[in-house]
Amino acid sequence: MDSPHMVRSRLSSLSLEQARDARARAWAYIFQCWQEKQKPAEPAPEPDGRNDGAIVRDIEGVSHVEQRPDRPSEIT
């Protein structure tokens, strides 16, 4: 018998079926994470007048600015 053969020693107390099930659960988790990354990202919400971080993108043609009654003017 000159051909080499592999000897497998058990490194843990898991049965072959338990090890197979653990690998299946790990791959299922990996696939689930991958699928979630493939979903398109949700667009950012549009800024509204109530948001202090609202960005004014086009100010050309603005003739006046109304002050909100609940906030004092910040211009000195």
C-alpha atoms as a PDB file:
ATOM      1  CA  MET A   1       0.000   0.000   0.000  1.00  0.00           C
ATOM      2  CA  ASP A   2       2.140   2.825  -1.329  1.00  0.00           C
ATOM      3  CA  SER A   3      -0.597   5.450  -1.750  1.00  0.00           C
ATOM      4  CA  PRO A   4      -0.846   8.101   0.973  1.00  0.00           C
ATOM      5  CA  HIS A   5      -4.042   8.362   2.924  1.00  0.00           C
ATOM      6  CA  MET A   6      -5.457  11.077   5.149  1.00  0.00           C
ATOM      7  CA  VAL A   7      -6.121  10.559   8.793  1.00  0.00           C
ATOM      8  CA  ARG A   8      -8.566  12.902  10.424  1.00  0.00           C
ATOM      9  CA  SER A   9      -8.494  13.385  14.141  1.00  0.00           C
ATOM     10  CA  ARG A  10     -11.398  14.990  15.940  1.00  0.00           C
ATOM     11  CA  LEU A  11     -10.488  18.297  17.495  1.00  0.00           C
ATOM     12  CA  SER A  12     -13.708  18.783  19.391  1.00  0.00           C
ATOM     13  CA  SER A  13     -16.511  16.869  20.956  1.00  0.00           C
ATOM     14  CA  LEU A  14     -18.954  17.852  18.191  1.00  0.00           C
ATOM     15  CA  SER A  15     -20.454  15.112  16.099  1.00  0.00           C
ATOM     16  CA  LEU A  16     -20.160  15.332  12.331  1.00  0.00           C
ATOM     17  CA  GLU A  17     -23.819  16.376  12.120  1.00  0.00           C
ATOM     18  CA  GLN A  18     -23.376  19.130  14.719  1.00  0.00           C
ATOM     19  CA  ALA A  19     -20.319  20.457  12.896  1.00  0.00           C
ATOM     20  CA  ARG A  20     -22.220  20.411   9.588  1.00  0.00           C
ATOM     21  CA  ASP A  21     -25.160  22.285  11.159  1.00  0.00           C
ATOM     22  CA  ALA A  22     -22.821  24.899  12.668  1.00  0.00           C
ATOM     23  CA  ARG A  23     -21.206  25.487   9.256  1.00  0.00           C
ATOM     24  CA  ALA A  24     -24.647  25.773   7.637  1.00  0.00           C
ATOM     25  CA  ARG A  25     -25.742  28.389  10.195  1.00  0.00           C
ATOM     26  CA  ALA A  26     -22.514  30.351   9.698  1.00  0.00           C
ATOM     27  CA  TRP A  27     -22.926  30.391   5.903  1.00  0.00           C
ATOM     28  CA  ALA A  28     -26.597  31.367   6.233  1.00  0.00           C
ATOM     29  CA  TYR A  29     -25.567  34.344   8.396  1.00  0.00           C
ATOM     30  CA  ILE A  30     -22.854  35.369   5.925  1.00  0.00           C
ATOM     31  CA  PHE A  31     -25.300  35.177   3.024  1.00  0.00           C
ATOM     32  CA  GLN A  32     -27.902  37.202   4.931  1.00  0.00           C
ATOM     33  CA  CYS A  33     -25.350  39.959   5.631  1.00  0.00           C
ATOM     34  CA  TRP A  34     -24.306  39.975   1.975  1.00  0.00           C
ATOM     35  CA  GLN A  35     -27.941  40.281   0.846  1.00  0.00           C
ATOM     36  CA  GLU A  36     -28.518  43.250   3.171  1.00  0.00           C
ATOM     37  CA  LYS A  37     -25.503  45.023   1.667  1.00  0.00           C
ATOM     38  CA  GLN A  38     -26.931  44.530  -1.829  1.00  0.00           C
ATOM     39  CA  LYS A  39     -30.108  46.488  -1.026  1.00  0.00           C
ATOM     40  CA  PRO A  40     -30.078  50.053  -2.370  1.00  0.00           C
ATOM     41  CA  ALA A  41     -29.485  52.673   0.273  1.00  0.00           C
ATOM     42  CA  GLU A  42     -32.469  54.759   1.308  1.00  0.00           C
ATOM     43  CA  PRO A  43     -32.251  58.368   0.128  1.00  0.00           C
ATOM     44  CA  ALA A  44     -31.523  60.990   2.756  1.00  0.00           C
ATOM     45  CA  PRO A  45     -34.591  62.883   3.956  1.00  0.00           C
ATOM     46  CA  GLU A  46     -35.125  66.298   2.437  1.00  0.00           C
ATOM     47  CA  PRO A  47     -34.436  69.181   4.825  1.00  0.00           C
ATOM     48  CA  ASP A  48     -37.479  71.098   5.997  1.00  0.00           C
ATOM     49  CA  GLY A  49     -38.028  74.475   7.643  1.00  0.00           C
ATOM     50  CA  ARG A  50     -38.019  72.942  11.116  1.00  0.00           C
ATOM     51  CA  ASN A  51     -34.513  71.561  10.733  1.00  0.00           C
ATOM     52  CA  ASP A  52     -31.688  73.794  11.996  1.00  0.00           C
ATOM     53  CA  GLY A  53     -29.335  71.984   9.623  1.00  0.00           C
ATOM     54  CA  ALA A  54     -31.444  72.712   6.540  1.00  0.00           C
ATOM     55  CA  ILE A  55     -29.317  73.753   3.593  1.00  0.00           C
ATOM     56  CA  VAL A  56     -30.375  76.524   1.243  1.00  0.00           C
ATOM     57  CA  ARG A  57     -29.144  75.495  -2.189  1.00  0.00           C
ATOM     58  CA  ASP A  58     -30.559  78.210  -4.464  1.00  0.00           C
ATOM     59  CA  ILE A  59     -30.771  81.717  -3.056  1.00  0.00           C
ATOM     60  CA  GLU A  60     -30.821  83.586  -6.357  1.00  0.00           C
ATOM     61  CA  GLY A  61     -33.940  85.710  -6.640  1.00  0.00           C
ATOM     62  CA  VAL A  62     -34.738  85.809  -2.925  1.00  0.00           C
ATOM     63  CA  SER A  63     -36.203  89.202  -2.127  1.00  0.00           C
ATOM     64  CA  HIS A  64     -36.903  88.867   1.585  1.00  0.00           C
ATOM     65  CA  VAL A  65     -36.549  86.480   4.505  1.00  0.00           C
ATOM     66  CA  GLU A  66     -39.267  86.052   7.083  1.00  0.00           C
ATOM     67  CA  GLN A  67     -38.210  85.555  10.680  1.00  0.00           C
ATOM     68  CA  ARG A  68     -39.763  82.734  12.608  1.00  0.00           C
ATOM     69  CA  PRO A  69     -41.642  84.083  15.649  1.00  0.00           C
ATOM     70  CA  ASP A  70     -40.256  81.329  17.914  1.00  0.00           C
ATOM     71  CA  ARG A  71     -36.594  82.212  17.193  1.00  0.00           C
ATOM     72  CA  PRO A  72     -34.751  85.519  17.602  1.00  0.00           C
ATOM     73  CA  SER A  73     -32.623  86.828  14.788  1.00  0.00           C
ATOM     74  CA  GLU A  74     -28.998  85.705  14.955  1.00  0.00           C
ATOM     75  CA  ILE A  75     -27.719  88.612  12.858  1.00  0.00           C
ATOM     76  CA  THR A  76     -26.216  91.431  14.910  1.00  0.00           C
END
